[in-house]
Amino acid sequence: LTSSLVAESHNDPNLLQALQQIQQLNVDNHQPFENQDVNQWMQILD
């Protein structure tokens, strides 16, 4: 999902940054995300 959404080149820099953060943390760390990070991303996605 993140790869696809990043490739679609949306104009929102906050969305792009959030997607890249999600993607990077997901690749680097196969453990659940921190709730603080998830809440921040949710605000941006919403």
ModelCIF file with pLDDT and N, C-alpha, C, O atoms, coordinates in Angstrom:
data_MODEL
#
_entry.id   MODEL 
#
_entity.id                         1 
_entity.type                       polymer 
_entity.pdbx_number_of_molecules   1 
#
_entity_poly.entity_id                      1 
_entity_poly.type                           'polypeptide(L)' 
_entity_poly.nstd_linkage                   no 
_entity_poly.nstd_monomer                   no 
_entity_poly.pdbx_seq_one_letter_code       LTSSLVAESHNDPNLLQALQQIQQLNVDNHQPFENQDVNQWMQILD 
_entity_poly.pdbx_seq_one_letter_code_can   LTSSLVAESHNDPNLLQALQQIQQLNVDNHQPFENQDVNQWMQILD 
_entity_poly.pdbx_strand_id                 A 
#
loop_
_entity_poly_seq.entity_id 
_entity_poly_seq.num 
_entity_poly_seq.mon_id 
_entity_poly_seq.hetero 
1 1  LEU n 
1 2  THR n 
1 3  SER n 
1 4  SER n 
1 5  LEU n 
1 6  VAL n 
1 7  ALA n 
1 8  GLU n 
1 9  SER n 
1 10 HIS n 
1 11 ASN n 
1 12 ASP n 
1 13 PRO n 
1 14 ASN n 
1 15 LEU n 
1 16 LEU n 
1 17 GLN n 
1 18 ALA n 
1 19 LEU n 
1 20 GLN n 
1 21 GLN n 
1 22 ILE n 
1 23 GLN n 
1 24 GLN n 
1 25 LEU n 
1 26 ASN n 
1 27 VAL n 
1 28 ASP n 
1 29 ASN n 
1 30 HIS n 
1 31 GLN n 
1 32 PRO n 
1 33 PHE n 
1 34 GLU n 
1 35 ASN n 
1 36 GLN n 
1 37 ASP n 
1 38 VAL n 
1 39 ASN n 
1 40 GLN n 
1 41 TRP n 
1 42 MET n 
1 43 GLN n 
1 44 ILE n 
1 45 LEU n 
1 46 ASP n 
#
_struct_asym.id          A 
_struct_asym.entity_id   1 
#
loop_
_ma_qa_metric.id 
_ma_qa_metric.mode 
_ma_qa_metric.name 
_ma_qa_metric.software_group_id 
_ma_qa_metric.type 
1 global pLDDT . pLDDT 
2 local  pLDDT . pLDDT 
#
_ma_qa_metric_global.metric_id      1 
_ma_qa_metric_global.metric_value   86.76 
_ma_qa_metric_global.model_id       1 
_ma_qa_metric_global.ordinal_id     1 
#
loop_
_ma_qa_metric_local.label_asym_id 
_ma_qa_metric_local.label_comp_id 
_ma_qa_metric_local.label_seq_id 
_ma_qa_metric_local.metric_id 
_ma_qa_metric_local.metric_value 
_ma_qa_metric_local.model_id 
_ma_qa_metric_local.ordinal_id 
A LEU 1  2 94.00 1 1  
A THR 2  2 94.00 1 2  
A SER 3  2 93.00 1 3  
A SER 4  2 93.00 1 4  
A LEU 5  2 92.00 1 5  
A VAL 6  2 91.00 1 6  
A ALA 7  2 90.00 1 7  
A GLU 8  2 84.00 1 8  
A SER 9  2 68.00 1 9  
A HIS 10 2 70.00 1 10 
A ASN 11 2 72.00 1 11 
A ASP 12 2 84.00 1 12 
A PRO 13 2 89.00 1 13 
A ASN 14 2 90.00 1 14 
A LEU 15 2 91.00 1 15 
A LEU 16 2 91.00 1 16 
A GLN 17 2 92.00 1 17 
A ALA 18 2 93.00 1 18 
A LEU 19 2 93.00 1 19 
A GLN 20 2 92.00 1 20 
A GLN 21 2 93.00 1 21 
A ILE 22 2 93.00 1 22 
A GLN 23 2 90.00 1 23 
A GLN 24 2 89.00 1 24 
A LEU 25 2 88.00 1 25 
A ASN 26 2 85.00 1 26 
A VAL 27 2 78.00 1 27 
A ASP 28 2 73.00 1 28 
A ASN 29 2 70.00 1 29 
A HIS 30 2 67.00 1 30 
A GLN 31 2 73.00 1 31 
A PRO 32 2 78.00 1 32 
A PHE 33 2 85.00 1 33 
A GLU 34 2 87.00 1 34 
A ASN 35 2 88.00 1 35 
A GLN 36 2 91.00 1 36 
A ASP 37 2 91.00 1 37 
A VAL 38 2 91.00 1 38 
A ASN 39 2 92.00 1 39 
A GLN 40 2 93.00 1 40 
A TRP 41 2 92.00 1 41 
A MET 42 2 91.00 1 42 
A GLN 43 2 92.00 1 43 
A ILE 44 2 91.00 1 44 
A LEU 45 2 88.00 1 45 
A ASP 46 2 86.00 1 46 
#
loop_
_atom_site.group_PDB 
_atom_site.id 
_atom_site.type_symbol 
_atom_site.label_atom_id 
_atom_site.label_alt_id 
_atom_site.label_comp_id 
_atom_site.label_asym_id 
_atom_site.label_entity_id 
_atom_site.label_seq_id 
_atom_site.pdbx_PDB_ins_code 
_atom_site.Cartn_x 
_atom_site.Cartn_y 
_atom_site.Cartn_z 
_atom_site.occupancy 
_atom_site.B_iso_or_equiv 
_atom_site.pdbx_formal_charge 
_atom_site.auth_seq_id 
_atom_site.auth_comp_id 
_atom_site.auth_asym_id 
_atom_site.auth_atom_id 
_atom_site.pdbx_PDB_model_num 
ATOM 1   N N  . LEU A 1 1  ? 0.823  -1.216 0.000  1.00 94.00 ? 1  LEU A N  1 
ATOM 2   C CA . LEU A 1 1  ? 0.000  0.000  0.000  1.00 94.00 ? 1  LEU A CA 1 
ATOM 3   C C  . LEU A 1 1  ? 0.852  1.258  0.000  1.00 94.00 ? 1  LEU A C  1 
ATOM 4   O O  . LEU A 1 1  ? 0.612  2.173  -0.787 1.00 94.00 ? 1  LEU A O  1 
ATOM 5   N N  . THR A 1 2  ? 1.849  1.308  0.882  1.00 94.00 ? 2  THR A N  1 
ATOM 6   C CA . THR A 1 2  ? 2.677  2.518  0.953  1.00 94.00 ? 2  THR A CA 1 
ATOM 7   C C  . THR A 1 2  ? 3.480  2.704  -0.332 1.00 94.00 ? 2  THR A C  1 
ATOM 8   O O  . THR A 1 2  ? 3.615  3.825  -0.823 1.00 94.00 ? 2  THR A O  1 
ATOM 9   N N  . SER A 1 3  ? 4.009  1.618  -0.875 1.00 93.00 ? 3  SER A N  1 
ATOM 10  C CA . SER A 1 3  ? 4.762  1.729  -2.133 1.00 93.00 ? 3  SER A CA 1 
ATOM 11  C C  . SER A 1 3  ? 3.880  2.256  -3.252 1.00 93.00 ? 3  SER A C  1 
ATOM 12  O O  . SER A 1 3  ? 4.289  3.127  -4.020 1.00 93.00 ? 3  SER A O  1 
ATOM 13  N N  . SER A 1 4  ? 2.690  1.734  -3.338 1.00 93.00 ? 4  SER A N  1 
ATOM 14  C CA . SER A 1 4  ? 1.762  2.156  -4.374 1.00 93.00 ? 4  SER A CA 1 
ATOM 15  C C  . SER A 1 4  ? 1.357  3.619  -4.207 1.00 93.00 ? 4  SER A C  1 
ATOM 16  O O  . SER A 1 4  ? 1.341  4.382  -5.172 1.00 93.00 ? 4  SER A O  1 
ATOM 17  N N  . LEU A 1 5  ? 1.034  3.996  -2.988 1.00 92.00 ? 5  LEU A N  1 
ATOM 18  C CA . LEU A 1 5  ? 0.609  5.376  -2.738 1.00 92.00 ? 5  LEU A CA 1 
ATOM 19  C C  . LEU A 1 5  ? 1.747  6.368  -2.959 1.00 92.00 ? 5  LEU A C  1 
ATOM 20  O O  . LEU A 1 5  ? 1.520  7.456  -3.488 1.00 92.00 ? 5  LEU A O  1 
ATOM 21  N N  . VAL A 1 6  ? 2.960  6.012  -2.562 1.00 91.00 ? 6  VAL A N  1 
ATOM 22  C CA . VAL A 1 6  ? 4.109  6.888  -2.806 1.00 91.00 ? 6  VAL A CA 1 
ATOM 23  C C  . VAL A 1 6  ? 4.329  7.039  -4.309 1.00 91.00 ? 6  VAL A C  1 
ATOM 24  O O  . VAL A 1 6  ? 4.607  8.140  -4.786 1.00 91.00 ? 6  VAL A O  1 
ATOM 25  N N  . ALA A 1 7  ? 4.208  5.954  -5.051 1.00 90.00 ? 7  ALA A N  1 
ATOM 26  C CA . ALA A 1 7  ? 4.429  5.980  -6.508 1.00 90.00 ? 7  ALA A CA 1 
ATOM 27  C C  . ALA A 1 7  ? 3.376  6.806  -7.240 1.00 90.00 ? 7  ALA A C  1 
ATOM 28  O O  . ALA A 1 7  ? 3.625  7.296  -8.341 1.00 90.00 ? 7  ALA A O  1 
ATOM 29  N N  . GLU A 1 8  ? 2.206  6.961  -6.633 1.00 84.00 ? 8  GLU A N  1 
ATOM 30  C CA . GLU A 1 8  ? 1.147  7.731  -7.284 1.00 84.00 ? 8  GLU A CA 1 
ATOM 31  C C  . GLU A 1 8  ? 1.372  9.235  -7.191 1.00 84.00 ? 8  GLU A C  1 
ATOM 32  O O  . GLU A 1 8  ? 0.587  10.017 -7.727 1.00 84.00 ? 8  GLU A O  1 
ATOM 33  N N  . SER A 1 9  ? 2.430  9.636  -6.518 1.00 68.00 ? 9  SER A N  1 
ATOM 34  C CA . SER A 1 9  ? 2.884  11.034 -6.477 1.00 68.00 ? 9  SER A CA 1 
ATOM 35  C C  . SER A 1 9  ? 1.778  12.026 -6.115 1.00 68.00 ? 9  SER A C  1 
ATOM 36  O O  . SER A 1 9  ? 1.431  12.896 -6.913 1.00 68.00 ? 9  SER A O  1 
ATOM 37  N N  . HIS A 1 10 ? 1.239  11.890 -4.927 1.00 70.00 ? 10 HIS A N  1 
ATOM 38  C CA . HIS A 1 10 ? 0.236  12.843 -4.451 1.00 70.00 ? 10 HIS A CA 1 
ATOM 39  C C  . HIS A 1 10 ? 0.890  14.182 -4.150 1.00 70.00 ? 10 HIS A C  1 
ATOM 40  O O  . HIS A 1 10 ? 2.077  14.251 -3.834 1.00 70.00 ? 10 HIS A O  1 
ATOM 41  N N  . ASN A 1 11 ? 0.107  15.233 -4.251 1.00 72.00 ? 11 ASN A N  1 
ATOM 42  C CA . ASN A 1 11 ? 0.632  16.581 -4.059 1.00 72.00 ? 11 ASN A CA 1 
ATOM 43  C C  . ASN A 1 11 ? 0.830  16.958 -2.598 1.00 72.00 ? 11 ASN A C  1 
ATOM 44  O O  . ASN A 1 11 ? 1.470  17.970 -2.311 1.00 72.00 ? 11 ASN A O  1 
ATOM 45  N N  . ASP A 1 12 ? 0.305  16.184 -1.681 1.00 84.00 ? 12 ASP A N  1 
ATOM 46  C CA . ASP A 1 12 ? 0.368  16.514 -0.265 1.00 84.00 ? 12 ASP A CA 1 
ATOM 47  C C  . ASP A 1 12 ? 1.700  16.055 0.329  1.00 84.00 ? 12 ASP A C  1 
ATOM 48  O O  . ASP A 1 12 ? 1.920  14.855 0.489  1.00 84.00 ? 12 ASP A O  1 
ATOM 49  N N  . PRO A 1 13 ? 2.599  17.004 0.660  1.00 89.00 ? 13 PRO A N  1 
ATOM 50  C CA . PRO A 1 13 ? 3.906  16.606 1.203  1.00 89.00 ? 13 PRO A CA 1 
ATOM 51  C C  . PRO A 1 13 ? 3.798  15.925 2.571  1.00 89.00 ? 13 PRO A C  1 
ATOM 52  O O  . PRO A 1 13 ? 4.638  15.090 2.909  1.00 89.00 ? 13 PRO A O  1 
ATOM 53  N N  . ASN A 1 14 ? 2.782  16.269 3.357  1.00 90.00 ? 14 ASN A N  1 
ATOM 54  C CA . ASN A 1 14 ? 2.605  15.618 4.653  1.00 90.00 ? 14 ASN A CA 1 
ATOM 55  C C  . ASN A 1 14 ? 2.241  14.146 4.477  1.00 90.00 ? 14 ASN A C  1 
ATOM 56  O O  . ASN A 1 14 ? 2.721  13.286 5.215  1.00 90.00 ? 14 ASN A O  1 
ATOM 57  N N  . LEU A 1 15 ? 1.388  13.865 3.490  1.00 91.00 ? 15 LEU A N  1 
ATOM 58  C CA . LEU A 1 15 ? 1.015  12.487 3.203  1.00 91.00 ? 15 LEU A CA 1 
ATOM 59  C C  . LEU A 1 15 ? 2.233  11.707 2.733  1.00 91.00 ? 15 LEU A C  1 
ATOM 60  O O  . LEU A 1 15 ? 2.477  10.596 3.205  1.00 91.00 ? 15 LEU A O  1 
ATOM 61  N N  . LEU A 1 16 ? 2.989  12.269 1.821  1.00 91.00 ? 16 LEU A N  1 
ATOM 62  C CA . LEU A 1 16 ? 4.175  11.598 1.298  1.00 91.00 ? 16 LEU A CA 1 
ATOM 63  C C  . LEU A 1 16 ? 5.154  11.286 2.429  1.00 91.00 ? 16 LEU A C  1 
ATOM 64  O O  . LEU A 1 16 ? 5.694  10.182 2.498  1.00 91.00 ? 16 LEU A O  1 
ATOM 65  N N  . GLN A 1 17 ? 5.379  12.245 3.303  1.00 92.00 ? 17 GLN A N  1 
ATOM 66  C CA . GLN A 1 17 ? 6.292  12.047 4.424  1.00 92.00 ? 17 GLN A CA 1 
ATOM 67  C C  . GLN A 1 17 ? 5.778  10.946 5.360  1.00 92.00 ? 17 GLN A C  1 
ATOM 68  O O  . GLN A 1 17 ? 6.552  10.092 5.791  1.00 92.00 ? 17 GLN A O  1 
ATOM 69  N N  . ALA A 1 18 ? 4.494  10.963 5.670  1.00 93.00 ? 18 ALA A N  1 
ATOM 70  C CA . ALA A 1 18 ? 3.911  9.939  6.549  1.00 93.00 ? 18 ALA A CA 1 
ATOM 71  C C  . ALA A 1 18 ? 4.031  8.556  5.921  1.00 93.00 ? 18 ALA A C  1 
ATOM 72  O O  . ALA A 1 18 ? 4.393  7.594  6.599  1.00 93.00 ? 18 ALA A O  1 
ATOM 73  N N  . LEU A 1 19 ? 3.731  8.454  4.634  1.00 93.00 ? 19 LEU A N  1 
ATOM 74  C CA . LEU A 1 19 ? 3.834  7.164  3.948  1.00 93.00 ? 19 LEU A CA 1 
ATOM 75  C C  . LEU A 1 19 ? 5.263  6.639  3.953  1.00 93.00 ? 19 LEU A C  1 
ATOM 76  O O  . LEU A 1 19 ? 5.494  5.446  4.150  1.00 93.00 ? 19 LEU A O  1 
ATOM 77  N N  . GLN A 1 20 ? 6.217  7.533  3.737  1.00 92.00 ? 20 GLN A N  1 
ATOM 78  C CA . GLN A 1 20 ? 7.613  7.121  3.747  1.00 92.00 ? 20 GLN A CA 1 
ATOM 79  C C  . GLN A 1 20 ? 8.054  6.687  5.145  1.00 92.00 ? 20 GLN A C  1 
ATOM 80  O O  . GLN A 1 20 ? 8.832  5.743  5.281  1.00 92.00 ? 20 GLN A O  1 
ATOM 81  N N  . GLN A 1 21 ? 7.566  7.365  6.180  1.00 93.00 ? 21 GLN A N  1 
ATOM 82  C CA . GLN A 1 21 ? 7.883  6.966  7.555  1.00 93.00 ? 21 GLN A CA 1 
ATOM 83  C C  . GLN A 1 21 ? 7.300  5.591  7.868  1.00 93.00 ? 21 GLN A C  1 
ATOM 84  O O  . GLN A 1 21 ? 7.979  4.736  8.437  1.00 93.00 ? 21 GLN A O  1 
ATOM 85  N N  . ILE A 1 22 ? 6.055  5.386  7.498  1.00 93.00 ? 22 ILE A N  1 
ATOM 86  C CA . ILE A 1 22 ? 5.406  4.091  7.725  1.00 93.00 ? 22 ILE A CA 1 
ATOM 87  C C  . ILE A 1 22 ? 6.190  2.998  7.012  1.00 93.00 ? 22 ILE A C  1 
ATOM 88  O O  . ILE A 1 22 ? 6.488  1.950  7.587  1.00 93.00 ? 22 ILE A O  1 
ATOM 89  N N  . GLN A 1 23 ? 6.512  3.255  5.771  1.00 90.00 ? 23 GLN A N  1 
ATOM 90  C CA . GLN A 1 23 ? 7.225  2.279  4.962  1.00 90.00 ? 23 GLN A CA 1 
ATOM 91  C C  . GLN A 1 23 ? 8.588  1.957  5.579  1.00 90.00 ? 23 GLN A C  1 
ATOM 92  O O  . GLN A 1 23 ? 8.952  0.787  5.691  1.00 90.00 ? 23 GLN A O  1 
ATOM 93  N N  . GLN A 1 24 ? 9.332  2.968  5.973  1.00 89.00 ? 24 GLN A N  1 
ATOM 94  C CA . GLN A 1 24 ? 10.665 2.760  6.526  1.00 89.00 ? 24 GLN A CA 1 
ATOM 95  C C  . GLN A 1 24 ? 10.615 1.994  7.840  1.00 89.00 ? 24 GLN A C  1 
ATOM 96  O O  . GLN A 1 24 ? 11.386 1.056  8.040  1.00 89.00 ? 24 GLN A O  1 
ATOM 97  N N  . LEU A 1 25 ? 9.723  2.382  8.728  1.00 88.00 ? 25 LEU A N  1 
ATOM 98  C CA . LEU A 1 25 ? 9.608  1.679  10.005 1.00 88.00 ? 25 LEU A CA 1 
ATOM 99  C C  . LEU A 1 25 ? 9.119  0.251  9.817  1.00 88.00 ? 25 LEU A C  1 
ATOM 100 O O  . LEU A 1 25 ? 9.527  -0.651 10.549 1.00 88.00 ? 25 LEU A O  1 
ATOM 101 N N  . ASN A 1 26 ? 8.264  0.049  8.857  1.00 85.00 ? 26 ASN A N  1 
ATOM 102 C CA . ASN A 1 26 ? 7.740  -1.294 8.589  1.00 85.00 ? 26 ASN A CA 1 
ATOM 103 C C  . ASN A 1 26 ? 8.850  -2.209 8.080  1.00 85.00 ? 26 ASN A C  1 
ATOM 104 O O  . ASN A 1 26 ? 8.904  -3.382 8.449  1.00 85.00 ? 26 ASN A O  1 
ATOM 105 N N  . VAL A 1 27 ? 9.724  -1.687 7.245  1.00 78.00 ? 27 VAL A N  1 
ATOM 106 C CA . VAL A 1 27 ? 10.818 -2.482 6.687  1.00 78.00 ? 27 VAL A CA 1 
ATOM 107 C C  . VAL A 1 27 ? 11.889 -2.742 7.747  1.00 78.00 ? 27 VAL A C  1 
ATOM 108 O O  . VAL A 1 27 ? 12.426 -3.846 7.844  1.00 78.00 ? 27 VAL A O  1 
ATOM 109 N N  . ASP A 1 28 ? 12.193 -1.708 8.540  1.00 73.00 ? 28 ASP A N  1 
ATOM 110 C CA . ASP A 1 28 ? 13.282 -1.807 9.507  1.00 73.00 ? 28 ASP A CA 1 
ATOM 111 C C  . ASP A 1 28 ? 12.928 -2.566 10.776 1.00 73.00 ? 28 ASP A C  1 
ATOM 112 O O  . ASP A 1 28 ? 13.813 -3.100 11.446 1.00 73.00 ? 28 ASP A O  1 
ATOM 113 N N  . ASN A 1 29 ? 11.656 -2.620 11.111 1.00 70.00 ? 29 ASN A N  1 
ATOM 114 C CA . ASN A 1 29 ? 11.278 -3.110 12.428 1.00 70.00 ? 29 ASN A CA 1 
ATOM 115 C C  . ASN A 1 29 ? 9.987  -3.916 12.328 1.00 70.00 ? 29 ASN A C  1 
ATOM 116 O O  . ASN A 1 29 ? 8.903  -3.342 12.228 1.00 70.00 ? 29 ASN A O  1 
ATOM 117 N N  . HIS A 1 30 ? 10.095 -5.223 12.354 1.00 67.00 ? 30 HIS A N  1 
ATOM 118 C CA . HIS A 1 30 ? 8.904  -6.073 12.240 1.00 67.00 ? 30 HIS A CA 1 
ATOM 119 C C  . HIS A 1 30 ? 8.247  -6.289 13.595 1.00 67.00 ? 30 HIS A C  1 
ATOM 120 O O  . HIS A 1 30 ? 8.014  -7.418 14.026 1.00 67.00 ? 30 HIS A O  1 
ATOM 121 N N  . GLN A 1 31 ? 7.959  -5.179 14.246 1.00 73.00 ? 31 GLN A N  1 
ATOM 122 C CA . GLN A 1 31 ? 7.222  -5.188 15.501 1.00 73.00 ? 31 GLN A CA 1 
ATOM 123 C C  . GLN A 1 31 ? 6.126  -4.146 15.373 1.00 73.00 ? 31 GLN A C  1 
ATOM 124 O O  . GLN A 1 31 ? 6.188  -3.291 14.490 1.00 73.00 ? 31 GLN A O  1 
ATOM 125 N N  . PRO A 1 32 ? 5.133  -4.202 16.232 1.00 78.00 ? 32 PRO A N  1 
ATOM 126 C CA . PRO A 1 32 ? 4.060  -3.206 16.138 1.00 78.00 ? 32 PRO A CA 1 
ATOM 127 C C  . PRO A 1 32 ? 4.600  -1.774 16.235 1.00 78.00 ? 32 PRO A C  1 
ATOM 128 O O  . PRO A 1 32 ? 5.583  -1.504 16.926 1.00 78.00 ? 32 PRO A O  1 
ATOM 129 N N  . PHE A 1 33 ? 3.936  -0.882 15.531 1.00 85.00 ? 33 PHE A N  1 
ATOM 130 C CA . PHE A 1 33 ? 4.316  0.519  15.577 1.00 85.00 ? 33 PHE A CA 1 
ATOM 131 C C  . PHE A 1 33 ? 3.972  1.112  16.935 1.00 85.00 ? 33 PHE A C  1 
ATOM 132 O O  . PHE A 1 33 ? 3.087  0.621  17.635 1.00 85.00 ? 33 PHE A O  1 
ATOM 133 N N  . GLU A 1 34 ? 4.675  2.162  17.294 1.00 87.00 ? 34 GLU A N  1 
ATOM 134 C CA . GLU A 1 34 ? 4.363  2.895  18.525 1.00 87.00 ? 34 GLU A CA 1 
ATOM 135 C C  . GLU A 1 34 ? 3.021  3.612  18.340 1.00 87.00 ? 34 GLU A C  1 
ATOM 136 O O  . GLU A 1 34 ? 2.749  4.175  17.279 1.00 87.00 ? 34 GLU A O  1 
ATOM 137 N N  . ASN A 1 35 ? 2.193  3.583  19.381 1.00 88.00 ? 35 ASN A N  1 
ATOM 138 C CA . ASN A 1 35 ? 0.877  4.241  19.295 1.00 88.00 ? 35 ASN A CA 1 
ATOM 139 C C  . ASN A 1 35 ? 0.995  5.719  18.962 1.00 88.00 ? 35 ASN A C  1 
ATOM 140 O O  . ASN A 1 35 ? 0.162  6.260  18.236 1.00 88.00 ? 35 ASN A O  1 
ATOM 141 N N  . GLN A 1 36 ? 2.013  6.371  19.481 1.00 91.00 ? 36 GLN A N  1 
ATOM 142 C CA . GLN A 1 36 ? 2.217  7.793  19.193 1.00 91.00 ? 36 GLN A CA 1 
ATOM 143 C C  . GLN A 1 36 ? 2.419  8.015  17.691 1.00 91.00 ? 36 GLN A C  1 
ATOM 144 O O  . GLN A 1 36 ? 1.855  8.946  17.115 1.00 91.00 ? 36 GLN A O  1 
ATOM 145 N N  . ASP A 1 37 ? 3.217  7.164  17.071 1.00 91.00 ? 37 ASP A N  1 
ATOM 146 C CA . ASP A 1 37 ? 3.435  7.265  15.622 1.00 91.00 ? 37 ASP A CA 1 
ATOM 147 C C  . ASP A 1 37 ? 2.137  7.008  14.861 1.00 91.00 ? 37 ASP A C  1 
ATOM 148 O O  . ASP A 1 37 ? 1.789  7.745  13.938 1.00 91.00 ? 37 ASP A O  1 
ATOM 149 N N  . VAL A 1 38 ? 1.427  5.952  15.261 1.00 91.00 ? 38 VAL A N  1 
ATOM 150 C CA . VAL A 1 38 ? 0.169  5.609  14.585 1.00 91.00 ? 38 VAL A CA 1 
ATOM 151 C C  . VAL A 1 38 ? -0.824 6.763  14.694 1.00 91.00 ? 38 VAL A C  1 
ATOM 152 O O  . VAL A 1 38 ? -1.472 7.109  13.706 1.00 91.00 ? 38 VAL A O  1 
ATOM 153 N N  . ASN A 1 39 ? -0.953 7.355  15.861 1.00 92.00 ? 39 ASN A N  1 
ATOM 154 C CA . ASN A 1 39 ? -1.880 8.476  16.045 1.00 92.00 ? 39 ASN A CA 1 
ATOM 155 C C  . ASN A 1 39 ? -1.514 9.650  15.152 1.00 92.00 ? 39 ASN A C  1 
ATOM 156 O O  . ASN A 1 39 ? -2.389 10.287 14.565 1.00 92.00 ? 39 ASN A O  1 
ATOM 157 N N  . GLN A 1 40 ? -0.226 9.934  15.050 1.00 93.00 ? 40 GLN A N  1 
ATOM 158 C CA . GLN A 1 40 ? 0.227  11.030 14.188 1.00 93.00 ? 40 GLN A CA 1 
ATOM 159 C C  . GLN A 1 40 ? -0.093 10.730 12.726 1.00 93.00 ? 40 GLN A C  1 
ATOM 160 O O  . GLN A 1 40 ? -0.581 11.598 12.004 1.00 93.00 ? 40 GLN A O  1 
ATOM 161 N N  . TRP A 1 41 ? 0.179  9.509  12.295 1.00 92.00 ? 41 TRP A N  1 
ATOM 162 C CA . TRP A 1 41 ? -0.111 9.131  10.902 1.00 92.00 ? 41 TRP A CA 1 
ATOM 163 C C  . TRP A 1 41 ? -1.606 9.167  10.626 1.00 92.00 ? 41 TRP A C  1 
ATOM 164 O O  . TRP A 1 41 ? -2.039 9.597  9.557  1.00 92.00 ? 41 TRP A O  1 
ATOM 165 N N  . MET A 1 42 ? -2.392 8.715  11.596 1.00 91.00 ? 42 MET A N  1 
ATOM 166 C CA . MET A 1 42 ? -3.846 8.697  11.423 1.00 91.00 ? 42 MET A CA 1 
ATOM 167 C C  . MET A 1 42 ? -4.381 10.113 11.204 1.00 91.00 ? 42 MET A C  1 
ATOM 168 O O  . MET A 1 42 ? -5.272 10.319 10.379 1.00 91.00 ? 42 MET A O  1 
ATOM 169 N N  . GLN A 1 43 ? -3.853 11.072 11.926 1.00 92.00 ? 43 GLN A N  1 
ATOM 170 C CA . GLN A 1 43 ? -4.289 12.462 11.744 1.00 92.00 ? 43 GLN A CA 1 
ATOM 171 C C  . GLN A 1 43 ? -3.992 12.923 10.316 1.00 92.00 ? 43 GLN A C  1 
ATOM 172 O O  . GLN A 1 43 ? -4.826 13.564 9.676  1.00 92.00 ? 43 GLN A O  1 
ATOM 173 N N  . ILE A 1 44 ? -2.814 12.594 9.833  1.00 91.00 ? 44 ILE A N  1 
ATOM 174 C CA . ILE A 1 44 ? -2.446 12.987 8.477  1.00 91.00 ? 44 ILE A CA 1 
ATOM 175 C C  . ILE A 1 44 ? -3.316 12.274 7.443  1.00 91.00 ? 44 ILE A C  1 
ATOM 176 O O  . ILE A 1 44 ? -3.827 12.903 6.517  1.00 91.00 ? 44 ILE A O  1 
ATOM 177 N N  . LEU A 1 45 ? -3.483 10.964 7.603  1.00 88.00 ? 45 LEU A N  1 
ATOM 178 C CA . LEU A 1 45 ? -4.296 10.202 6.646  1.00 88.00 ? 45 LEU A CA 1 
ATOM 179 C C  . LEU A 1 45 ? -5.746 10.667 6.653  1.00 88.00 ? 45 LEU A C  1 
ATOM 180 O O  . LEU A 1 45 ? -6.369 10.779 5.598  1.00 88.00 ? 45 LEU A O  1 
ATOM 181 N N  . ASP A 1 46 ? -6.288 10.939 7.844  1.00 86.00 ? 46 ASP A N  1 
ATOM 182 C CA . ASP A 1 46 ? -7.684 11.379 7.952  1.00 86.00 ? 46 ASP A CA 1 
ATOM 183 C C  . ASP A 1 46 ? -7.899 12.766 7.350  1.00 86.00 ? 46 ASP A C  1 
ATOM 184 O O  . ASP A 1 46 ? -9.018 13.278 7.362  1.00 86.00 ? 46 ASP A O  1 
#
